[in-house]
Structure formats: C-alpha cells, structure tokens
Amino acid sequence: MFAATISLTPPHTFDPTWTRLKYPMTSRQPSSCLTIRPAIFPRDKQHVATLFLAYAHSLPIDLSFQNFASELAALPGQYAAEERGAVFLA
C-alpha cells in the first residue's frame, strides 16, 4: 500500500469523483490495476501511520522537531477532510 497526502486550500475542494481511480500498471498480468482511494479513518489509521513511519525512517533527519509522534497519534489531524486535507492509499 502507498500513501499520498494532499492539503487543499481555497478555492480548491475535494472532488469525490477522484475516490476510485484505476490506473493500468506494468506487470506480468496485463489485467492488473492500481486503485487509489481516500484513507478512511479510523479504519485505515494503522496503515497510514505505518506508511508515514516508513517515510520518516527513510529520511536522513529526525522529525521529532516537528512533533512527528504527536502528528501520528492525532491522525487524521490536519489530513482530515474537515481540515481540507486528505490521505490517499493505493
């Protein structure tokens, strides 16, 4: 599973027609597709946190100066639709 984050600012709004896009992928099976969907909280919280942690560990810096642990604990936090944010999983 992959995650992408988007923070939407006015005048942009979240377009619900984007919630189930399928893109062909190159693989041994020509019928395989990549499905992108918004994360649903709290159901997907653990998946999102795991992906965010993997990203943080891949960086050459420590994100504790940005209160990263608090951000993970507060998911969806600033990524909530009510905050004009979104997290997409693929």
C-alpha atoms as a PDB file:
ATOM      1  CA  MET A   1       0.000   0.000   0.000  1.00  0.00           C
ATOM      2  CA  PHE A   2       1.235   3.512  -0.825  1.00  0.00           C
ATOM      3  CA  ALA A   3       0.084   6.831   0.588  1.00  0.00           C
ATOM      4  CA  ALA A   4      -0.094  10.293  -0.858  1.00  0.00           C
ATOM      5  CA  THR A   5      -1.085  13.361   1.087  1.00  0.00           C
ATOM      6  CA  ILE A   6      -2.817  16.417  -0.254  1.00  0.00           C
ATOM      7  CA  SER A   7      -3.598  19.591   1.619  1.00  0.00           C
ATOM      8  CA  LEU A   8      -6.340  21.508  -0.158  1.00  0.00           C
ATOM      9  CA  THR A   9      -6.588  25.259   0.106  1.00  0.00           C
ATOM     10  CA  PRO A  10      -9.376  27.551  -1.125  1.00  0.00           C
ATOM     11  CA  PRO A  11     -10.779  27.781  -3.729  1.00  0.00           C
ATOM     12  CA  HIS A  12      -9.999  24.081  -4.338  1.00  0.00           C
ATOM     13  CA  THR A  13     -12.316  21.463  -2.931  1.00  0.00           C
ATOM     14  CA  PHE A  14     -12.113  17.714  -2.653  1.00  0.00           C
ATOM     15  CA  ASP A  15     -13.709  16.120  -5.697  1.00  0.00           C
ATOM     16  CA  PRO A  16     -15.398  12.836  -4.673  1.00  0.00           C
ATOM     17  CA  THR A  17     -15.144  11.591  -8.262  1.00  0.00           C
ATOM     18  CA  TRP A  18     -11.409  11.128  -7.615  1.00  0.00           C
ATOM     19  CA  THR A  19     -12.011   8.478  -4.968  1.00  0.00           C
ATOM     20  CA  ARG A  20     -11.747   5.385  -7.168  1.00  0.00           C
ATOM     21  CA  LEU A  21      -9.311   5.956  -9.990  1.00  0.00           C
ATOM     22  CA  LYS A  22      -7.754   2.946 -11.633  1.00  0.00           C
ATOM     23  CA  TYR A  23      -4.501   3.167 -13.493  1.00  0.00           C
ATOM     24  CA  PRO A  24      -3.026   0.340 -15.558  1.00  0.00           C
ATOM     25  CA  MET A  25       0.220  -0.996 -14.157  1.00  0.00           C
ATOM     26  CA  THR A  26       3.035  -2.759 -15.891  1.00  0.00           C
ATOM     27  CA  SER A  27       3.256  -6.316 -14.623  1.00  0.00           C
ATOM     28  CA  ARG A  28       3.239  -9.887 -15.786  1.00  0.00           C
ATOM     29  CA  GLN A  29      -0.525  -9.871 -15.664  1.00  0.00           C
ATOM     30  CA  PRO A  30      -1.881  -7.353 -18.158  1.00  0.00           C
ATOM     31  CA  SER A  31      -5.170  -7.010 -16.270  1.00  0.00           C
ATOM     32  CA  SER A  32      -3.614  -5.677 -13.032  1.00  0.00           C
ATOM     33  CA  CYS A  33      -4.590  -2.160 -11.959  1.00  0.00           C
ATOM     34  CA  LEU A  34      -3.641   0.299  -9.272  1.00  0.00           C
ATOM     35  CA  THR A  35      -6.606   1.541  -7.273  1.00  0.00           C
ATOM     36  CA  ILE A  36      -6.312   4.863  -5.476  1.00  0.00           C
ATOM     37  CA  ARG A  37      -8.776   5.663  -2.716  1.00  0.00           C
ATOM     38  CA  PRO A  38      -9.006   8.063   0.198  1.00  0.00           C
ATOM     39  CA  ALA A  39      -7.990   6.684   3.585  1.00  0.00           C
ATOM     40  CA  ILE A  40     -10.968   6.117   5.839  1.00  0.00           C
ATOM     41  CA  PHE A  41     -10.376   6.985   9.478  1.00  0.00           C
ATOM     42  CA  PRO A  42     -10.260   5.332  11.935  1.00  0.00           C
ATOM     43  CA  ARG A  43     -10.272   2.123   9.842  1.00  0.00           C
ATOM     44  CA  ASP A  44      -7.054   2.961   7.928  1.00  0.00           C
ATOM     45  CA  LYS A  45      -5.244   4.798  10.730  1.00  0.00           C
ATOM     46  CA  GLN A  46      -2.748   1.991  11.372  1.00  0.00           C
ATOM     47  CA  HIS A  47      -1.911   1.624   7.655  1.00  0.00           C
ATOM     48  CA  VAL A  48      -1.395   5.376   7.294  1.00  0.00           C
ATOM     49  CA  ALA A  49       0.734   5.564  10.451  1.00  0.00           C
ATOM     50  CA  THR A  50       2.884   2.654   9.235  1.00  0.00           C
ATOM     51  CA  LEU A  51       3.452   4.351   5.879  1.00  0.00           C
ATOM     52  CA  PHE A  52       4.224   7.709   7.500  1.00  0.00           C
ATOM     53  CA  LEU A  53       6.726   5.997   9.827  1.00  0.00           C
ATOM     54  CA  ALA A  54       8.398   4.221   6.903  1.00  0.00           C
ATOM     55  CA  TYR A  55       8.723   7.574   5.154  1.00  0.00           C
ATOM     56  CA  ALA A  56      10.143   9.242   8.274  1.00  0.00           C
ATOM     57  CA  HIS A  57      12.686   6.447   8.741  1.00  0.00           C
ATOM     58  CA  SER A  58      13.808   6.837   5.135  1.00  0.00           C
ATOM     59  CA  LEU A  59      14.834  10.448   5.738  1.00  0.00           C
ATOM     60  CA  PRO A  60      18.341  11.452   6.783  1.00  0.00           C
ATOM     61  CA  ILE A  61      16.905  13.681   9.563  1.00  0.00           C
ATOM     62  CA  ASP A  62      14.895  13.126  12.748  1.00  0.00           C
ATOM     63  CA  LEU A  63      11.391  14.610  12.503  1.00  0.00           C
ATOM     64  CA  SER A  64      10.915  14.955  16.261  1.00  0.00           C
ATOM     65  CA  PHE A  65      11.483  18.728  15.944  1.00  0.00           C
ATOM     66  CA  GLN A  66       8.164  18.812  14.051  1.00  0.00           C
ATOM     67  CA  ASN A  67       6.290  16.857  16.763  1.00  0.00           C
ATOM     68  CA  PHE A  68       6.003  13.938  14.368  1.00  0.00           C
ATOM     69  CA  ALA A  69       4.959  11.472  17.103  1.00  0.00           C
ATOM     70  CA  SER A  70       2.096  13.776  18.117  1.00  0.00           C
ATOM     71  CA  GLU A  71       1.021  14.087  14.492  1.00  0.00           C
ATOM     72  CA  LEU A  72       0.876  10.293  14.162  1.00  0.00           C
ATOM     73  CA  ALA A  73      -1.092   9.940  17.377  1.00  0.00           C
ATOM     74  CA  ALA A  74      -3.577  12.582  16.222  1.00  0.00           C
ATOM     75  CA  LEU A  75      -4.258  11.089  12.767  1.00  0.00           C
ATOM     76  CA  PRO A  76      -6.123  12.132  10.711  1.00  0.00           C
ATOM     77  CA  GLY A  77      -5.478  15.555  12.280  1.00  0.00           C
ATOM     78  CA  GLN A  78      -4.587  18.083   9.595  1.00  0.00           C
ATOM     79  CA  TYR A  79      -5.223  15.456   6.913  1.00  0.00           C
ATOM     80  CA  ALA A  80      -8.942  15.170   7.815  1.00  0.00           C
ATOM     81  CA  ALA A  81     -11.459  16.214   5.191  1.00  0.00           C
ATOM     82  CA  GLU A  82     -12.863  18.724   7.687  1.00  0.00           C
ATOM     83  CA  GLU A  83      -9.421  20.364   7.721  1.00  0.00           C
ATOM     84  CA  ARG A  84      -9.377  20.433   3.907  1.00  0.00           C
ATOM     85  CA  GLY A  85      -6.781  17.673   3.756  1.00  0.00           C
ATOM     86  CA  ALA A  86      -6.723  14.094   2.512  1.00  0.00           C
ATOM     87  CA  VAL A  87      -4.643  10.943   2.554  1.00  0.00           C
ATOM     88  CA  PHE A  88      -4.904   8.596  -0.395  1.00  0.00           C
ATOM     89  CA  LEU A  89      -3.951   4.928  -0.347  1.00  0.00           C
ATOM     90  CA  ALA A  90      -3.033   2.823  -3.354  1.00  0.00           C
END
